Every structure is written in structure tokens, then in C-alpha cells.
Amino acid sequence: MSTTQLAPPRDAIADAVSLVDRVCLEATDLRVRYGPREVLRGISLSIAAGEFAVLIGPNGSGKSTLLRTLIHLVKPAAGTVCFDGSELGSISSRELARRIAYLPQAPEGPPDLTVDELVWRGRYPNRGLFSSASAEDRTAVDRALEWASMSDLRERALATLSGGEHQRAWIAMSLAREPDVLLLDEPTSFLDIGHQADLLQLLTRLNEERGLTVVMVLHDVTQAAHYARRVIALRDGEIRHDGAPEDVVTAAHIAELFDAEVSVLVDPVSGTPVIVPALPGGKEVGALPGRGEARW
């Protein structure tokens, strides 16, 4: 996958200032119940424009439910979610879909649908289902395909794509609507490590170069710490820790969240935390040969 610098459609600095002025997702005292079970327990959370935040936590901690509640796919039993200062219920579905793109786990489309056709579907919130496509729509689709490095594959059917290509096609569809916020639920699931890195690097570049606000769920805590600028840790429907990766991803916090004994090293290149399962018998994990000194 190409790592050439993205070319934003508008001046990047002006975009960043604009986003900071007008975009914010804010949840206040969210409570969500599935039957008698309370899945989210009074969560309050604010996402500023331009953030790259990752939700971590054990299975069943409420990560996916929180993400879906932020886009109004799940309606809370109590509490509110506001976007750009307005409650979600007061924003039209079309406007919400245009400004906040959501990519669920393992999205699927008709197998014979081409990449180009899929990405065009991302423009529906911008132009309506039955209105004619404009030059602006075509530019947005072409740009989204370029951003996701899918231009050369635009005529391929979804059924013929690899796992990484499939995910990038759906990312391109989300980008075609030119959203302010992108929410992703475990986008690296079922991908090999190379495709995971490609996808996470793409999201990092979109965040840094276009000012796209990114909030996603990841199971790999080391990846979360490496790519995110903010890590939000959940357990039992509550936010237990929230802050910079080096403050959240600690051995004590991982033990609290996952009931797992680990060592936390510091990557000698990026300076971000690296999770290593504890060795049997309580042995310490040392530096790997040729990889530099491990710091604790």
C-alpha cells in the first residue's frame, strides 16, 4: 500500500481550525440496558475535533455499544449524546450520516458489487438516493479511492478482494461522504499483521493530514498504544482509565481490566508501551537481542 502524502481537498490548516471550532462529540451520563443487564453505566465522554482515540477493554465491557450509541444506532435508557452542540435526536438522519461515518465489524455488501459502486453509495447522504450525480460527487469518490489506495481496484468486485483490500474499500466508502468523524468497530479483525499496519497507518494519515476525527475499538492493546493519541479503557460498562497511552497502558491497569498478568515495555523507536504476557514462574521479560534496551 502506498504511503504517499495525502492531498487534502482544502487547505489543511484552515480545515483543522474549522474542525476545532465546530465539531465535538459529547456523551453525558449514558446508560444502556439490554433487558435487565446494564451495559453502559453512567458514561460521560467528550471527543474533541481532530482526536485519534481508541477504546480498549475486555469482551463485554461496552466498547461496541458505546460506539453505536455515539452514532444513535443504540438509544440510551438515560443520558444524552451531543454532536457539534446539538443532541443527536435533533439532527436529521441524513445530516448525521453525512458528518459521522460509522464502519461496523466485518461489513458486507453484495459480492458482485464493484469497489466503485460501493464507494458511490457513500455519497447518498450528500446527494440523496435518487438525485443525479454531480461533478463534486465524482471528485469526492475519486479522492476517497485515492486516499484508500483503491483507485486501481475500482472495477473489481468485492468478492475478489483480499481482506485488507475489502476493508480499504469500505474505508473509501466512508470517506466519500467527507465526514468530520469516523467511528470504526474493530477494523483490523480478520486481517494479517501487514494489512493491519496498512489500515492503521492509513487512518493515522487521514487524522494527521486531513484533520479527520477518528474513534475506534481495538482488541490489540499494543496497537492501540502505538497509533492512538488517547486511549479510553472500559470494563463492566464504565470508563476505568482515560488519557495518553503511556498513562493508561500500564501493567497495573491491564491486570485490572483484563485479569491478566503482563509486563509493559517501551518501544525503543516510538516510545510507546508494548504489552508482553508474563512468563511462567514470575520471570522478568528482558530486552530482545538486537532490539535495544527495554525500559519499564
Protein backbone atom coordinates (compact mmCIF):
# COMPACT_ATOMS: atom_id res chain seq x y z
CA MET A 1 0.00 0.00 0.00
CA SER A 2 1.31 3.42 -0.90
CA THR A 3 2.36 5.75 1.89
CA THR A 4 2.48 8.91 -0.20
CA GLN A 5 1.21 12.02 1.48
CA LEU A 6 -2.49 12.65 1.12
CA ALA A 7 -3.65 15.70 -0.79
CA PRO A 8 -6.49 17.30 1.20
CA PRO A 9 -9.32 18.88 -0.81
CA ARG A 10 -8.94 22.17 1.06
CA ASP A 11 -6.18 23.93 2.93
CA ALA A 12 -5.18 21.58 5.75
CA ILE A 13 -4.54 24.29 8.34
CA ALA A 14 -7.83 26.03 7.63
CA ASP A 15 -9.58 22.67 7.88
CA ALA A 16 -8.03 21.94 11.26
CA VAL A 17 -9.05 25.32 12.68
CA SER A 18 -12.56 24.90 11.25
CA LEU A 19 -12.99 21.47 12.79
CA VAL A 20 -11.79 22.56 16.21
CA ASP A 21 -14.29 25.41 16.16
CA ARG A 22 -17.35 23.38 15.24
CA VAL A 23 -17.09 19.64 15.90
CA CYS A 24 -17.37 17.76 19.16
CA LEU A 25 -18.98 14.53 20.30
CA GLU A 26 -20.05 14.64 23.92
CA ALA A 27 -21.80 11.94 25.92
CA THR A 28 -23.24 12.68 29.33
CA ASP A 29 -24.21 10.01 31.90
CA LEU A 30 -25.04 7.37 29.27
CA ARG A 31 -26.90 4.31 30.47
CA VAL A 32 -27.79 1.48 28.10
CA ARG A 33 -29.65 -1.68 29.03
CA TYR A 34 -30.12 -4.92 27.12
CA GLY A 35 -33.05 -6.40 29.00
CA PRO A 36 -32.21 -6.45 32.71
CA ARG A 37 -28.47 -6.07 32.10
CA GLU A 38 -26.97 -2.57 32.22
CA VAL A 39 -24.31 -2.46 29.51
CA LEU A 40 -23.24 1.18 29.92
CA ARG A 41 -23.28 2.57 33.44
CA GLY A 42 -23.30 6.34 33.50
CA ILE A 43 -20.56 7.00 30.96
CA SER A 44 -19.57 10.60 30.28
CA LEU A 45 -17.12 11.28 27.49
CA SER A 46 -16.05 14.18 25.28
CA ILE A 47 -14.28 13.73 21.94
CA ALA A 48 -12.63 16.88 20.60
CA ALA A 49 -12.20 17.60 16.92
CA GLY A 50 -9.08 16.09 15.40
CA GLU A 51 -8.61 13.45 18.10
CA PHE A 52 -7.42 9.91 17.43
CA ALA A 53 -8.91 7.87 20.26
CA VAL A 54 -9.07 4.11 20.76
CA LEU A 55 -11.42 2.19 23.04
CA ILE A 56 -9.95 -0.88 24.73
CA GLY A 57 -11.28 -3.35 27.25
CA PRO A 58 -12.28 -6.99 27.67
CA ASN A 59 -15.11 -8.63 25.75
CA GLY A 60 -18.47 -7.43 27.02
CA SER A 61 -17.08 -4.22 28.53
CA GLY A 62 -19.37 -1.99 26.43
CA LYS A 63 -16.93 -0.75 23.76
CA SER A 64 -19.06 -1.54 20.71
CA THR A 65 -22.23 -0.43 22.46
CA LEU A 66 -20.65 2.91 23.31
CA LEU A 67 -19.56 3.40 19.71
CA ARG A 68 -23.05 2.58 18.41
CA THR A 69 -24.64 4.89 20.97
CA LEU A 70 -22.44 7.76 19.78
CA ILE A 71 -23.98 7.39 16.29
CA HIS A 72 -27.56 6.92 17.58
CA LEU A 73 -27.79 3.28 16.46
CA VAL A 74 -28.41 2.42 20.10
CA LYS A 75 -30.68 4.71 22.08
CA PRO A 76 -29.71 5.08 25.73
CA ALA A 77 -32.10 4.45 28.58
CA ALA A 78 -30.72 7.63 30.14
CA GLY A 79 -28.21 10.32 29.29
CA THR A 80 -27.51 12.34 26.15
CA VAL A 81 -25.13 12.47 23.21
CA CYS A 82 -24.43 15.80 21.51
CA PHE A 83 -22.66 16.47 18.24
CA ASP A 84 -21.49 19.97 17.43
CA GLY A 85 -23.56 21.26 20.35
CA SER A 86 -26.86 19.62 19.31
CA GLU A 87 -28.44 16.47 20.71
CA LEU A 88 -28.38 13.59 18.23
CA GLY A 89 -32.17 13.31 18.27
CA SER A 90 -32.46 16.83 16.89
CA ILE A 91 -30.17 16.11 13.91
CA SER A 92 -31.67 14.54 10.79
CA SER A 93 -30.54 11.01 9.94
CA ARG A 94 -29.16 12.21 6.62
CA GLU A 95 -27.13 15.02 8.18
CA LEU A 96 -25.81 12.70 10.88
CA ALA A 97 -24.81 10.08 8.30
CA ARG A 98 -23.02 12.74 6.26
CA ARG A 99 -20.99 14.14 9.12
CA ILE A 100 -20.31 10.99 11.18
CA ALA A 101 -19.32 7.85 9.28
CA TYR A 102 -19.60 4.51 11.09
CA LEU A 103 -17.90 1.30 9.99
CA PRO A 104 -19.17 -1.79 11.86
CA GLN A 105 -17.32 -5.04 12.43
CA ALA A 106 -16.87 -7.12 9.26
CA PRO A 107 -19.10 -5.07 6.90
CA GLU A 108 -20.52 -6.99 3.96
CA GLY A 109 -22.02 -5.96 0.63
CA PRO A 110 -23.33 -7.81 -2.44
CA PRO A 111 -20.38 -9.91 -3.68
CA ASP A 112 -20.78 -8.76 -7.29
CA LEU A 113 -20.81 -5.07 -6.33
CA THR A 114 -17.71 -3.29 -7.60
CA VAL A 115 -15.49 -1.13 -5.42
CA ASP A 116 -16.53 1.93 -7.43
CA GLU A 117 -20.23 1.16 -6.90
CA LEU A 118 -19.68 0.65 -3.18
CA VAL A 119 -17.85 3.96 -2.80
CA TRP A 120 -20.57 5.77 -4.73
CA ARG A 121 -23.04 4.53 -2.11
CA GLY A 122 -21.10 6.56 0.40
CA ARG A 123 -22.32 9.72 -1.36
CA TYR A 124 -26.01 9.03 -0.71
CA PRO A 125 -26.18 11.19 2.44
CA ASN A 126 -24.66 14.09 0.47
CA ARG A 127 -26.85 13.99 -2.62
CA GLY A 128 -29.94 11.90 -1.83
CA LEU A 129 -30.83 8.46 -3.10
CA PHE A 130 -32.44 9.48 -6.41
CA SER A 131 -30.72 12.75 -7.32
CA SER A 132 -28.24 12.88 -10.18
CA ALA A 133 -24.54 12.70 -9.50
CA SER A 134 -22.59 15.94 -9.80
CA ALA A 135 -19.00 16.73 -10.66
CA GLU A 136 -18.47 17.32 -6.94
CA ASP A 137 -19.72 13.79 -6.22
CA ARG A 138 -17.33 12.29 -8.77
CA THR A 139 -14.43 14.27 -7.32
CA ALA A 140 -15.29 13.06 -3.81
CA VAL A 141 -15.45 9.41 -4.96
CA ASP A 142 -12.17 9.65 -6.87
CA ARG A 143 -10.50 11.32 -3.90
CA ALA A 144 -11.76 8.69 -1.45
CA LEU A 145 -10.46 5.88 -3.66
CA GLU A 146 -7.09 7.62 -3.89
CA TRP A 147 -6.91 8.17 -0.12
CA ALA A 148 -7.59 4.48 0.49
CA SER A 149 -5.17 3.39 -2.27
CA MET A 150 -8.04 1.68 -4.11
CA SER A 151 -8.09 3.63 -7.39
CA ASP A 152 -6.50 0.76 -9.34
CA LEU A 153 -9.07 -1.69 -7.93
CA ARG A 154 -12.21 0.37 -8.51
CA GLU A 155 -13.61 -2.03 -11.13
CA ARG A 156 -13.01 -5.15 -9.02
CA ALA A 157 -15.95 -6.99 -7.45
CA LEU A 158 -15.99 -7.15 -3.64
CA ALA A 159 -15.87 -10.94 -3.78
CA THR A 160 -12.45 -10.83 -5.48
CA LEU A 161 -10.73 -8.63 -2.88
CA SER A 162 -8.34 -9.71 -0.18
CA GLY A 163 -9.20 -8.98 3.46
CA GLY A 164 -7.10 -5.81 3.53
CA GLU A 165 -8.47 -4.59 0.19
CA HIS A 166 -12.01 -5.27 1.39
CA GLN A 167 -11.51 -3.12 4.49
CA ARG A 168 -9.91 -0.32 2.48
CA ALA A 169 -12.88 -0.37 0.09
CA TRP A 170 -15.25 0.21 3.00
CA ILE A 171 -12.98 2.92 4.39
CA ALA A 172 -13.15 4.60 0.97
CA MET A 173 -16.95 4.39 1.03
CA SER A 174 -16.96 6.11 4.43
CA LEU A 175 -14.56 8.81 3.23
CA ALA A 176 -16.62 9.54 0.11
CA ARG A 177 -19.20 11.37 2.22
CA GLU A 178 -16.40 13.65 3.52
CA PRO A 179 -17.30 13.17 7.19
CA ASP A 180 -16.00 15.12 10.15
CA VAL A 181 -15.82 12.00 12.34
CA LEU A 182 -15.05 8.36 11.55
CA LEU A 183 -16.11 5.65 14.04
CA LEU A 184 -14.75 2.13 13.48
CA ASP A 185 -15.53 -1.07 15.35
CA GLU A 186 -12.57 -3.44 15.31
CA PRO A 187 -11.46 -2.57 11.76
CA THR A 188 -8.41 -4.87 11.94
CA SER A 189 -10.36 -8.05 12.76
CA PHE A 190 -9.54 -10.96 10.43
CA LEU A 191 -6.59 -9.09 8.87
CA ASP A 192 -3.00 -10.31 8.92
CA ILE A 193 -0.41 -8.12 10.62
CA GLY A 194 0.69 -6.48 7.37
CA HIS A 195 -2.82 -5.44 6.41
CA GLN A 196 -3.48 -4.31 9.98
CA ALA A 197 -0.47 -1.99 9.82
CA ASP A 198 -1.52 -0.66 6.39
CA LEU A 199 -5.02 0.13 7.63
CA LEU A 200 -3.91 1.77 10.87
CA GLN A 201 -1.29 3.84 9.04
CA LEU A 202 -3.97 4.99 6.60
CA LEU A 203 -6.21 6.10 9.48
CA THR A 204 -3.25 7.88 11.11
CA ARG A 205 -2.51 9.82 7.92
CA LEU A 206 -6.17 10.76 7.46
CA ASN A 207 -6.21 12.05 11.02
CA GLU A 208 -2.94 13.96 10.78
CA GLU A 209 -3.20 15.31 7.23
CA ARG A 210 -6.94 15.81 6.76
CA GLY A 211 -7.91 16.52 10.37
CA LEU A 212 -10.36 13.61 10.44
CA THR A 213 -11.54 12.76 13.95
CA VAL A 214 -11.08 9.01 14.50
CA VAL A 215 -12.60 6.92 17.29
CA MET A 216 -12.29 3.16 17.09
CA VAL A 217 -12.39 -0.08 19.03
CA LEU A 218 -9.28 -2.26 19.02
CA HIS A 219 -8.58 -5.53 20.82
CA ASP A 220 -4.81 -5.29 20.40
CA VAL A 221 -3.70 -3.05 23.26
CA THR A 222 -0.18 -2.64 21.89
CA GLN A 223 -1.58 -1.40 18.58
CA ALA A 224 -3.91 0.95 20.43
CA ALA A 225 -1.00 2.41 22.38
CA HIS A 226 1.13 2.73 19.23
CA TYR A 227 -1.36 4.52 16.98
CA ALA A 228 -3.73 6.41 19.30
CA ARG A 229 -3.05 9.70 20.98
CA ARG A 230 -5.75 8.89 23.54
CA VAL A 231 -6.71 5.51 24.99
CA ILE A 232 -10.06 5.01 26.73
CA ALA A 233 -10.25 1.82 28.80
CA LEU A 234 -13.60 0.26 29.70
CA ARG A 235 -14.66 -2.54 31.98
CA ASP A 236 -18.17 -3.55 33.08
CA GLY A 237 -19.77 -0.66 31.21
CA GLU A 238 -17.64 2.01 32.88
CA ILE A 239 -14.64 4.07 31.84
CA ARG A 240 -11.85 2.98 34.17
CA HIS A 241 -8.97 4.94 32.63
CA ASP A 242 -8.73 7.68 30.00
CA GLY A 243 -5.65 9.51 28.81
CA ALA A 244 -2.37 9.30 26.92
CA PRO A 245 -1.27 5.75 26.01
CA GLU A 246 1.67 5.75 28.41
CA ASP A 247 -0.64 6.71 31.28
CA VAL A 248 -3.38 4.18 30.52
CA VAL A 249 -1.40 1.17 29.29
CA THR A 250 0.38 0.08 32.44
CA ALA A 251 0.82 -3.38 33.94
CA ALA A 252 -1.45 -2.50 36.87
CA HIS A 253 -4.20 -1.18 34.59
CA ILE A 254 -4.02 -4.18 32.27
CA ALA A 255 -4.31 -6.51 35.27
CA GLU A 256 -7.34 -4.55 36.47
CA LEU A 257 -9.02 -4.51 33.06
CA PHE A 258 -8.26 -7.97 31.71
CA ASP A 259 -7.36 -10.02 34.81
CA ALA A 260 -4.06 -10.71 33.07
CA GLU A 261 -0.52 -10.50 34.34
CA VAL A 262 1.70 -8.71 31.83
CA SER A 263 4.89 -6.78 31.51
CA VAL A 264 4.85 -3.40 29.80
CA LEU A 265 7.96 -2.46 27.85
CA VAL A 266 8.68 0.73 25.96
CA ASP A 267 9.24 0.50 22.22
CA PRO A 268 12.78 1.88 21.67
CA VAL A 269 11.75 3.54 18.40
CA SER A 270 8.28 5.01 19.03
CA GLY A 271 8.47 5.27 22.83
CA THR A 272 5.01 3.72 23.12
CA PRO A 273 4.03 0.89 25.51
CA VAL A 274 4.35 -2.72 24.36
CA ILE A 275 2.38 -5.46 26.12
CA VAL A 276 4.18 -8.74 26.80
CA PRO A 277 2.41 -11.61 28.62
CA ALA A 278 4.17 -12.51 31.85
CA LEU A 279 6.44 -15.55 31.72
CA PRO A 280 5.66 -18.61 33.86
CA GLY A 281 7.12 -18.52 37.34
CA GLY A 282 7.18 -14.73 37.51
CA LYS A 283 10.32 -14.37 35.39
CA GLU A 284 11.00 -10.88 34.09
CA VAL A 285 11.00 -10.13 30.38
CA GLY A 286 14.27 -8.63 29.25
CA ALA A 287 15.42 -6.80 26.15
CA LEU A 288 15.31 -8.72 22.88
CA PRO A 289 18.75 -9.22 21.27
CA GLY A 290 19.49 -6.51 18.76
CA ARG A 291 16.35 -4.56 19.61
CA GLY A 292 17.76 -2.09 22.11
CA GLU A 293 17.29 -1.88 25.84
CA ALA A 294 13.79 -2.50 27.16
CA ARG A 295 12.62 0.13 29.65
CA TRP A 296 9.97 -0.45 32.35
